[in-house]
């Protein structure tokens, strides 16, 4: 991938991030209040994009268990069972949809050289909509990217826990 192509990709992603940040900033004030109703996370979704992801050993089946471990470690002991799988069907009540949280991670690897860009996004909310979000675009060395992504996942889950427990007034 040429330098010009990398710059175009970075410009496009940064433009989207900037526009999203402007829109989300306007909604941010008291946006985590809905965590008060979330009792636990019932859905953990991982999406991985980019042809190089597989070569780096990144797959949903490998990242999802890591996310679950981090969620349990970081949320405990303040939340006894932070994750409990619940199926949401058409008849699921509105109250239950507010009680059941969701967490989605999207990881996108761009490029195929020794140095590549990677994007990590985390969204959380209830089963009605997402109201918490973190995202970052970075460049890193191919062999370091998997560990750097794990560090970001852990950092995002820590921030999620802080906002979650702050909304619930739990120290």
N, C-alpha and C. Protein backbone atom coordinates (compact mmCIF):
# COMPACT_ATOMS: atom_id res chain seq x y z
N UNK A 1 0.85 -1.18 0.00
CA UNK A 1 0.00 0.00 0.00
C UNK A 1 0.90 1.24 0.00
N UNK A 2 0.62 2.13 -0.90
CA UNK A 2 1.46 3.32 -1.02
C UNK A 2 1.19 4.32 0.10
N UNK A 3 2.12 5.23 0.30
CA UNK A 3 1.96 6.28 1.31
C UNK A 3 0.73 7.12 1.01
N UNK A 4 0.51 7.40 -0.27
CA UNK A 4 -0.66 8.21 -0.67
C UNK A 4 -1.96 7.49 -0.28
N UNK A 5 -2.04 6.20 -0.53
CA UNK A 5 -3.24 5.43 -0.18
C UNK A 5 -3.45 5.42 1.33
N UNK A 6 -2.36 5.27 2.09
CA UNK A 6 -2.46 5.30 3.55
C UNK A 6 -3.00 6.64 4.02
N UNK A 7 -2.49 7.72 3.43
CA UNK A 7 -2.94 9.06 3.81
C UNK A 7 -4.41 9.27 3.49
N UNK A 8 -4.85 8.76 2.36
CA UNK A 8 -6.26 8.88 2.00
C UNK A 8 -7.14 8.12 2.98
N UNK A 9 -6.74 6.92 3.34
CA UNK A 9 -7.51 6.12 4.31
C UNK A 9 -7.55 6.82 5.66
N UNK A 10 -6.41 7.31 6.11
CA UNK A 10 -6.35 8.01 7.39
C UNK A 10 -7.24 9.25 7.35
N UNK A 11 -7.18 10.02 6.28
CA UNK A 11 -8.01 11.22 6.16
C UNK A 11 -9.49 10.87 6.23
N UNK A 12 -9.89 9.82 5.53
CA UNK A 12 -11.31 9.43 5.53
C UNK A 12 -11.74 9.01 6.93
N UNK A 13 -10.95 8.18 7.59
CA UNK A 13 -11.32 7.70 8.92
C UNK A 13 -11.34 8.85 9.92
N UNK A 14 -10.35 9.74 9.86
CA UNK A 14 -10.30 10.88 10.77
C UNK A 14 -11.50 11.80 10.54
N UNK A 15 -11.89 11.99 9.29
CA UNK A 15 -13.06 12.83 8.99
C UNK A 15 -14.32 12.24 9.61
N UNK A 16 -14.50 10.95 9.46
CA UNK A 16 -15.67 10.29 10.06
C UNK A 16 -15.62 10.41 11.58
N UNK A 17 -14.45 10.19 12.17
CA UNK A 17 -14.31 10.29 13.63
C UNK A 17 -14.62 11.71 14.11
N UNK A 18 -14.14 12.71 13.39
CA UNK A 18 -14.38 14.11 13.78
C UNK A 18 -15.87 14.44 13.73
N UNK A 19 -16.54 14.04 12.69
CA UNK A 19 -17.97 14.30 12.59
C UNK A 19 -18.74 13.57 13.68
N UNK A 20 -18.37 12.33 13.94
CA UNK A 20 -19.02 11.57 15.00
C UNK A 20 -18.78 12.22 16.36
N UNK A 21 -17.56 12.70 16.60
CA UNK A 21 -17.24 13.34 17.88
C UNK A 21 -18.07 14.60 18.10
N UNK A 22 -18.26 15.36 17.04
CA UNK A 22 -19.06 16.59 17.16
C UNK A 22 -20.49 16.25 17.53
N UNK A 23 -21.06 15.25 16.88
CA UNK A 23 -22.43 14.85 17.17
C UNK A 23 -22.54 14.26 18.56
N UNK A 24 -21.61 13.40 18.94
CA UNK A 24 -21.69 12.74 20.25
C UNK A 24 -21.41 13.72 21.39
N UNK A 25 -20.58 14.74 21.16
CA UNK A 25 -20.31 15.73 22.20
C UNK A 25 -21.60 16.43 22.63
N UNK A 26 -22.45 16.72 21.68
CA UNK A 26 -23.71 17.39 21.99
C UNK A 26 -24.62 16.50 22.82
N UNK A 27 -24.47 15.18 22.70
CA UNK A 27 -25.32 14.24 23.42
C UNK A 27 -24.69 13.75 24.73
N UNK A 28 -23.42 14.10 24.97
CA UNK A 28 -22.66 13.48 26.06
C UNK A 28 -23.17 13.83 27.46
N UNK A 29 -23.62 15.03 27.67
CA UNK A 29 -24.01 15.45 29.01
C UNK A 29 -25.13 14.54 29.52
N UNK A 30 -24.90 13.90 30.66
CA UNK A 30 -25.83 12.97 31.29
C UNK A 30 -26.19 11.78 30.40
N UNK A 31 -25.36 11.48 29.43
CA UNK A 31 -25.69 10.39 28.52
C UNK A 31 -25.55 9.01 29.16
N UNK A 32 -24.87 8.93 30.27
CA UNK A 32 -24.68 7.63 30.90
C UNK A 32 -25.71 7.34 31.98
N UNK A 33 -26.64 8.23 32.18
CA UNK A 33 -27.67 8.03 33.19
C UNK A 33 -28.43 6.72 32.98
N UNK A 34 -28.53 6.29 31.72
CA UNK A 34 -29.27 5.06 31.42
C UNK A 34 -28.58 3.83 31.98
N UNK A 35 -27.32 3.93 32.35
CA UNK A 35 -26.64 2.81 33.00
C UNK A 35 -27.29 2.48 34.34
N UNK A 36 -27.99 3.43 34.93
CA UNK A 36 -28.66 3.16 36.21
C UNK A 36 -29.60 1.97 36.11
N UNK A 37 -30.21 1.79 34.95
CA UNK A 37 -31.18 0.71 34.76
C UNK A 37 -30.54 -0.61 34.30
N UNK A 38 -29.31 -0.55 33.79
CA UNK A 38 -28.64 -1.76 33.30
C UNK A 38 -28.15 -2.57 34.50
N UNK A 39 -28.58 -3.83 34.58
CA UNK A 39 -28.18 -4.69 35.69
C UNK A 39 -26.94 -5.54 35.35
N UNK A 40 -26.82 -5.92 34.10
CA UNK A 40 -25.69 -6.74 33.65
C UNK A 40 -25.65 -6.69 32.13
N UNK A 41 -24.57 -7.17 31.56
CA UNK A 41 -24.43 -7.21 30.11
C UNK A 41 -24.88 -8.58 29.62
N UNK A 42 -25.81 -8.58 28.68
CA UNK A 42 -26.36 -9.84 28.17
C UNK A 42 -25.89 -10.14 26.76
N UNK A 43 -25.15 -9.22 26.17
CA UNK A 43 -24.71 -9.39 24.79
C UNK A 43 -23.31 -8.80 24.63
N UNK A 44 -22.38 -9.62 24.16
CA UNK A 44 -21.03 -9.18 23.85
C UNK A 44 -20.80 -9.54 22.38
N UNK A 45 -20.60 -8.53 21.56
CA UNK A 45 -20.42 -8.76 20.13
C UNK A 45 -19.03 -8.25 19.73
N UNK A 46 -18.35 -9.01 18.88
CA UNK A 46 -17.04 -8.62 18.37
C UNK A 46 -17.09 -8.71 16.85
N UNK A 47 -16.68 -7.62 16.21
CA UNK A 47 -16.59 -7.60 14.74
C UNK A 47 -15.14 -7.25 14.38
N UNK A 48 -14.57 -8.03 13.49
CA UNK A 48 -13.20 -7.78 13.06
C UNK A 48 -13.20 -7.61 11.54
N UNK A 49 -12.58 -6.51 11.10
CA UNK A 49 -12.53 -6.21 9.66
C UNK A 49 -11.08 -6.08 9.22
N UNK A 50 -10.87 -6.30 7.94
CA UNK A 50 -9.54 -6.15 7.37
C UNK A 50 -8.92 -7.48 7.05
N UNK A 51 -8.36 -7.57 5.86
CA UNK A 51 -7.76 -8.83 5.41
C UNK A 51 -6.57 -9.27 6.26
N UNK A 52 -5.85 -8.32 6.82
CA UNK A 52 -4.65 -8.65 7.61
C UNK A 52 -4.97 -9.16 9.01
N UNK A 53 -6.21 -8.98 9.46
CA UNK A 53 -6.57 -9.39 10.83
C UNK A 53 -6.31 -10.87 11.06
N UNK A 54 -6.69 -11.69 10.11
CA UNK A 54 -6.50 -13.14 10.25
C UNK A 54 -5.02 -13.48 10.35
N UNK A 55 -4.19 -12.81 9.53
CA UNK A 55 -2.74 -13.05 9.56
C UNK A 55 -2.14 -12.67 10.91
N UNK A 56 -2.76 -11.72 11.60
CA UNK A 56 -2.27 -11.28 12.90
C UNK A 56 -2.83 -12.14 14.04
N UNK A 57 -3.66 -13.12 13.71
CA UNK A 57 -4.25 -13.98 14.72
C UNK A 57 -5.44 -13.36 15.42
N UNK A 58 -6.02 -12.34 14.80
CA UNK A 58 -7.19 -11.67 15.39
C UNK A 58 -8.46 -12.26 14.80
N UNK A 59 -9.28 -12.82 15.65
CA UNK A 59 -10.57 -13.36 15.21
C UNK A 59 -11.57 -13.15 16.35
N UNK A 60 -12.84 -13.18 15.98
CA UNK A 60 -13.89 -13.02 16.99
C UNK A 60 -13.76 -14.08 18.07
N UNK A 61 -13.43 -15.31 17.66
CA UNK A 61 -13.34 -16.43 18.61
C UNK A 61 -12.18 -16.28 19.60
N UNK A 62 -11.17 -15.49 19.26
CA UNK A 62 -10.04 -15.28 20.17
C UNK A 62 -10.22 -14.02 21.01
N UNK A 63 -10.81 -12.99 20.42
CA UNK A 63 -10.95 -11.72 21.13
C UNK A 63 -12.13 -11.74 22.11
N UNK A 64 -13.22 -12.40 21.76
CA UNK A 64 -14.41 -12.40 22.62
C UNK A 64 -14.11 -12.99 24.02
N UNK A 65 -13.43 -14.14 24.14
CA UNK A 65 -13.10 -14.64 25.48
C UNK A 65 -12.23 -13.66 26.27
N UNK A 66 -11.32 -12.98 25.59
CA UNK A 66 -10.49 -11.98 26.27
C UNK A 66 -11.36 -10.85 26.81
N UNK A 67 -12.32 -10.38 26.01
CA UNK A 67 -13.23 -9.32 26.45
C UNK A 67 -14.04 -9.79 27.66
N UNK A 68 -14.56 -11.00 27.61
CA UNK A 68 -15.33 -11.53 28.74
C UNK A 68 -14.48 -11.61 30.00
N UNK A 69 -13.24 -12.08 29.89
CA UNK A 69 -12.34 -12.14 31.05
C UNK A 69 -12.10 -10.75 31.63
N UNK A 70 -11.85 -9.78 30.75
CA UNK A 70 -11.59 -8.41 31.21
C UNK A 70 -12.84 -7.82 31.87
N UNK A 71 -14.00 -8.06 31.28
CA UNK A 71 -15.26 -7.56 31.84
C UNK A 71 -15.46 -8.11 33.25
N UNK A 72 -15.27 -9.41 33.40
CA UNK A 72 -15.45 -10.04 34.72
C UNK A 72 -14.43 -9.52 35.72
N UNK A 73 -13.17 -9.42 35.31
CA UNK A 73 -12.11 -8.97 36.21
C UNK A 73 -12.31 -7.52 36.64
N UNK A 74 -12.62 -6.64 35.70
CA UNK A 74 -12.70 -5.21 35.99
C UNK A 74 -13.99 -4.85 36.70
N UNK A 75 -15.09 -5.50 36.36
CA UNK A 75 -16.37 -5.16 36.98
C UNK A 75 -16.54 -5.82 38.35
N UNK A 76 -15.83 -6.90 38.61
CA UNK A 76 -15.93 -7.56 39.92
C UNK A 76 -15.03 -6.82 40.89
N UNK A 77 -15.27 -6.78 42.15
CA UNK A 77 -16.39 -7.37 42.86
C UNK A 77 -17.62 -6.45 42.96
N UNK A 78 -17.54 -5.27 42.39
CA UNK A 78 -18.67 -4.33 42.51
C UNK A 78 -19.93 -4.84 41.82
N UNK A 79 -19.79 -5.64 40.80
CA UNK A 79 -20.92 -6.25 40.11
C UNK A 79 -20.63 -7.74 40.06
N UNK A 80 -21.43 -8.51 40.80
CA UNK A 80 -21.15 -9.92 40.99
C UNK A 80 -21.07 -10.69 39.66
N UNK A 81 -22.06 -10.53 38.81
CA UNK A 81 -22.09 -11.22 37.52
C UNK A 81 -22.28 -10.19 36.40
N UNK A 82 -21.19 -9.63 35.89
CA UNK A 82 -21.34 -8.58 34.88
C UNK A 82 -21.87 -9.09 33.55
N UNK A 83 -21.75 -10.41 33.30
CA UNK A 83 -22.22 -10.95 32.02
C UNK A 83 -23.10 -12.16 32.26
N UNK A 84 -24.26 -12.15 31.62
CA UNK A 84 -25.17 -13.28 31.66
C UNK A 84 -25.94 -13.28 30.35
N UNK A 85 -25.72 -14.30 29.55
CA UNK A 85 -26.35 -14.36 28.23
C UNK A 85 -27.87 -14.40 28.37
N UNK A 86 -28.53 -13.51 27.68
CA UNK A 86 -29.99 -13.47 27.62
C UNK A 86 -30.38 -13.25 26.16
N UNK A 87 -31.30 -14.03 25.70
CA UNK A 87 -31.78 -13.87 24.33
C UNK A 87 -32.89 -12.81 24.33
N UNK A 88 -32.79 -11.90 23.40
CA UNK A 88 -33.80 -10.86 23.24
C UNK A 88 -34.71 -11.31 22.09
N UNK A 89 -35.96 -11.51 22.40
CA UNK A 89 -36.94 -11.89 21.39
C UNK A 89 -37.99 -10.80 21.28
N UNK A 90 -38.85 -10.92 20.32
CA UNK A 90 -39.86 -9.89 20.09
C UNK A 90 -40.69 -9.59 21.33
N UNK A 91 -40.97 -10.60 22.11
CA UNK A 91 -41.84 -10.42 23.27
C UNK A 91 -41.10 -9.90 24.51
N UNK A 92 -39.79 -9.69 24.41
CA UNK A 92 -39.03 -9.17 25.55
C UNK A 92 -39.56 -7.78 25.91
N UNK A 93 -39.86 -7.61 27.17
CA UNK A 93 -40.49 -6.35 27.62
C UNK A 93 -39.51 -5.18 27.51
N UNK A 94 -40.06 -3.99 27.46
CA UNK A 94 -39.26 -2.77 27.41
C UNK A 94 -38.39 -2.66 28.66
N UNK A 95 -38.95 -3.02 29.82
CA UNK A 95 -38.19 -2.96 31.07
C UNK A 95 -36.98 -3.89 31.03
N UNK A 96 -37.16 -5.10 30.48
CA UNK A 96 -36.03 -6.04 30.37
C UNK A 96 -35.00 -5.55 29.37
N UNK A 97 -35.44 -4.93 28.30
CA UNK A 97 -34.50 -4.41 27.30
C UNK A 97 -33.63 -3.31 27.90
N UNK A 98 -34.16 -2.59 28.89
CA UNK A 98 -33.38 -1.56 29.58
C UNK A 98 -32.44 -2.18 30.62
N UNK A 99 -32.81 -3.31 31.18
CA UNK A 99 -32.00 -3.99 32.20
C UNK A 99 -30.81 -4.72 31.60
N UNK A 100 -30.97 -5.21 30.37
CA UNK A 100 -29.95 -6.03 29.72
C UNK A 100 -29.02 -5.13 28.92
N UNK A 101 -27.75 -5.09 29.31
CA UNK A 101 -26.78 -4.26 28.61
C UNK A 101 -26.16 -4.98 27.43
N UNK A 102 -25.56 -4.20 26.55
CA UNK A 102 -24.83 -4.79 25.43
C UNK A 102 -23.49 -4.09 25.30
N UNK A 103 -22.52 -4.82 24.78
CA UNK A 103 -21.18 -4.31 24.56
C UNK A 103 -20.69 -4.82 23.21
N UNK A 104 -20.28 -3.91 22.34
CA UNK A 104 -19.82 -4.27 21.01
C UNK A 104 -18.44 -3.70 20.76
N UNK A 105 -17.54 -4.53 20.28
CA UNK A 105 -16.21 -4.07 19.87
C UNK A 105 -16.07 -4.29 18.37
N UNK A 106 -15.55 -3.27 17.70
CA UNK A 106 -15.23 -3.39 16.28
C UNK A 106 -13.75 -3.09 16.13
N UNK A 107 -13.04 -4.00 15.49
CA UNK A 107 -11.61 -3.87 15.26
C UNK A 107 -11.37 -3.94 13.76
N UNK A 108 -10.66 -2.96 13.26
CA UNK A 108 -10.43 -2.88 11.82
C UNK A 108 -8.94 -2.69 11.58
N UNK A 109 -8.34 -3.63 10.87
CA UNK A 109 -6.93 -3.57 10.52
C UNK A 109 -6.83 -3.08 9.07
N UNK A 110 -6.05 -2.03 8.86
CA UNK A 110 -5.93 -1.44 7.52
C UNK A 110 -4.50 -1.57 7.02
N UNK A 111 -4.32 -2.20 5.88
CA UNK A 111 -3.01 -2.33 5.29
C UNK A 111 -2.46 -3.73 5.42
N UNK A 112 -1.24 -3.90 4.93
CA UNK A 112 -0.64 -5.24 4.97
C UNK A 112 0.88 -5.19 5.10
N UNK A 113 1.45 -4.05 5.37
CA UNK A 113 2.90 -3.93 5.47
C UNK A 113 3.40 -4.17 6.88
N UNK A 114 4.64 -3.76 7.11
CA UNK A 114 5.22 -3.88 8.45
C UNK A 114 4.58 -2.90 9.42
N UNK A 115 4.13 -1.77 8.91
CA UNK A 115 3.45 -0.76 9.72
C UNK A 115 2.03 -0.61 9.16
N UNK A 116 1.04 -0.74 10.06
CA UNK A 116 -0.35 -0.70 9.63
C UNK A 116 -1.17 0.18 10.57
N UNK A 117 -2.26 0.67 10.03
CA UNK A 117 -3.22 1.40 10.86
C UNK A 117 -4.23 0.40 11.42
N UNK A 118 -4.69 0.70 12.63
CA UNK A 118 -5.75 -0.12 13.21
C UNK A 118 -6.71 0.79 13.97
N UNK A 119 -7.96 0.39 13.95
CA UNK A 119 -9.05 1.17 14.55
C UNK A 119 -9.77 0.25 15.52
N UNK A 120 -9.99 0.74 16.72
CA UNK A 120 -10.72 -0.03 17.72
C UNK A 120 -11.85 0.85 18.24
N UNK A 121 -13.05 0.29 18.24
CA UNK A 121 -14.23 1.02 18.69
C UNK A 121 -15.01 0.14 19.66
N UNK A 122 -15.46 0.75 20.74
CA UNK A 122 -16.29 0.05 21.71
C UNK A 122 -17.58 0.86 21.89
N UNK A 123 -18.71 0.16 21.87
CA UNK A 123 -20.00 0.80 22.11
C UNK A 123 -20.74 -0.02 23.16
N UNK A 124 -21.45 0.68 24.03
CA UNK A 124 -22.22 -0.01 25.06
C UNK A 124 -23.54 0.72 25.27
N UNK A 125 -24.46 -0.01 25.82
CA UNK A 125 -25.77 0.56 26.12
C UNK A 125 -26.69 -0.52 26.64
N UNK A 126 -27.95 -0.34 26.38
CA UNK A 126 -28.92 -1.37 26.73
C UNK A 126 -29.38 -2.05 25.45
N UNK A 127 -30.44 -2.84 25.52
CA UNK A 127 -30.91 -3.54 24.33
C UNK A 127 -31.81 -2.66 23.45
N UNK A 128 -31.90 -1.39 23.78
CA UNK A 128 -32.66 -0.45 22.95
C UNK A 128 -31.73 0.38 22.08
N UNK A 129 -30.61 0.83 22.65
CA UNK A 129 -29.65 1.64 21.89
C UNK A 129 -28.34 1.76 22.67
N UNK A 130 -27.30 2.17 21.94
CA UNK A 130 -26.00 2.44 22.56
C UNK A 130 -25.94 3.90 22.98
N UNK A 131 -25.37 4.16 24.15
CA UNK A 131 -25.22 5.54 24.62
C UNK A 131 -23.83 5.80 25.20
N UNK A 132 -22.93 4.84 25.04
CA UNK A 132 -21.54 4.99 25.48
C UNK A 132 -20.65 4.54 24.33
N UNK A 133 -19.58 5.29 24.07
CA UNK A 133 -18.73 4.94 22.95
C UNK A 133 -17.30 5.44 23.17
N UNK A 134 -16.33 4.62 22.75
CA UNK A 134 -14.93 4.99 22.73
C UNK A 134 -14.35 4.47 21.42
N UNK A 135 -13.40 5.22 20.85
CA UNK A 135 -12.78 4.77 19.61
C UNK A 135 -11.42 5.41 19.45
N UNK A 136 -10.54 4.69 18.76
CA UNK A 136 -9.20 5.21 18.53
C UNK A 136 -8.67 4.64 17.21
N UNK A 137 -7.92 5.47 16.52
CA UNK A 137 -7.22 5.07 15.31
C UNK A 137 -5.74 5.23 15.58
N UNK A 138 -4.96 4.17 15.35
CA UNK A 138 -3.52 4.22 15.62
C UNK A 138 -2.77 3.55 14.49
N UNK A 139 -1.47 3.80 14.48
CA UNK A 139 -0.57 3.10 13.57
C UNK A 139 0.41 2.33 14.43
N UNK A 140 0.71 1.12 14.01
CA UNK A 140 1.63 0.32 14.79
C UNK A 140 2.37 -0.69 13.94
N UNK A 141 3.37 -1.28 14.54
CA UNK A 141 4.12 -2.33 13.86
C UNK A 141 3.32 -3.62 13.88
N UNK A 142 3.35 -4.32 12.78
CA UNK A 142 2.56 -5.53 12.57
C UNK A 142 2.61 -6.49 13.77
N UNK A 143 3.83 -6.75 14.27
CA UNK A 143 3.95 -7.74 15.35
C UNK A 143 3.45 -7.22 16.70
N UNK A 144 3.29 -5.92 16.84
CA UNK A 144 2.85 -5.34 18.11
C UNK A 144 1.34 -5.08 18.16
N UNK A 145 0.68 -5.08 17.03
CA UNK A 145 -0.73 -4.70 16.95
C UNK A 145 -1.64 -5.59 17.81
N UNK A 146 -1.54 -6.93 17.78
CA UNK A 146 -2.45 -7.73 18.61
C UNK A 146 -2.40 -7.36 20.11
N UNK A 147 -1.19 -7.17 20.65
CA UNK A 147 -1.08 -6.80 22.07
C UNK A 147 -1.58 -5.38 22.32
N UNK A 148 -1.33 -4.48 21.39
CA UNK A 148 -1.81 -3.10 21.53
C UNK A 148 -3.34 -3.07 21.52
N UNK A 149 -3.95 -3.90 20.70
CA UNK A 149 -5.41 -3.97 20.66
C UNK A 149 -5.94 -4.50 21.99
N UNK A 150 -5.30 -5.49 22.55
CA UNK A 150 -5.73 -6.01 23.86
C UNK A 150 -5.62 -4.93 24.94
N UNK A 151 -4.55 -4.14 24.90
CA UNK A 151 -4.41 -3.04 25.86
C UNK A 151 -5.55 -2.03 25.71
N UNK A 152 -5.91 -1.72 24.48
CA UNK A 152 -7.01 -0.78 24.24
C UNK A 152 -8.34 -1.34 24.74
N UNK A 153 -8.56 -2.63 24.49
CA UNK A 153 -9.79 -3.27 24.97
C UNK A 153 -9.87 -3.16 26.49
N UNK A 154 -8.78 -3.47 27.17
CA UNK A 154 -8.76 -3.38 28.64
C UNK A 154 -9.00 -1.94 29.10
N UNK A 155 -8.37 -0.97 28.43
CA UNK A 155 -8.54 0.44 28.77
C UNK A 155 -10.00 0.87 28.57
N UNK A 156 -10.60 0.47 27.46
CA UNK A 156 -11.99 0.83 27.18
C UNK A 156 -12.93 0.20 28.21
N UNK A 157 -12.68 -1.04 28.60
CA UNK A 157 -13.54 -1.69 29.60
C UNK A 157 -13.38 -1.01 30.95
N UNK A 158 -12.18 -0.57 31.29
CA UNK A 158 -11.98 0.20 32.54
C UNK A 158 -12.79 1.50 32.50
N UNK A 159 -12.74 2.22 31.38
CA UNK A 159 -13.51 3.45 31.24
C UNK A 159 -15.00 3.17 31.31
N UNK A 160 -15.43 2.08 30.69
CA UNK A 160 -16.84 1.68 30.75
C UNK A 160 -17.25 1.41 32.19
N UNK A 161 -16.43 0.68 32.92
CA UNK A 161 -16.74 0.38 34.32
C UNK A 161 -16.83 1.66 35.14
N UNK A 162 -15.89 2.58 34.93
CA UNK A 162 -15.94 3.86 35.67
C UNK A 162 -17.24 4.60 35.40
N UNK A 163 -17.61 4.72 34.14
CA UNK A 163 -18.84 5.44 33.79
C UNK A 163 -20.08 4.69 34.28
N UNK A 164 -20.05 3.37 34.17
CA UNK A 164 -21.17 2.53 34.62
C UNK A 164 -21.42 2.70 36.12
N UNK A 165 -20.34 2.58 36.91
CA UNK A 165 -20.50 2.66 38.36
C UNK A 165 -20.73 4.11 38.83
N UNK A 166 -20.19 5.08 38.12
CA UNK A 166 -20.46 6.48 38.44
C UNK A 166 -21.95 6.79 38.27
N UNK A 167 -22.53 6.29 37.17
CA UNK A 167 -23.96 6.50 36.92
C UNK A 167 -24.81 5.85 38.01
N UNK A 168 -24.34 4.73 38.53
CA UNK A 168 -25.07 4.01 39.57
C UNK A 168 -24.70 4.48 40.99
N UNK A 169 -23.77 5.43 41.09
CA UNK A 169 -23.27 5.91 42.39
C UNK A 169 -22.69 4.80 43.22
N UNK A 170 -21.93 3.91 42.58
CA UNK A 170 -21.27 2.81 43.27
C UNK A 170 -19.77 3.08 43.25
N UNK A 171 -19.15 3.08 44.41
CA UNK A 171 -17.70 3.34 44.52
C UNK A 171 -16.92 2.06 44.36
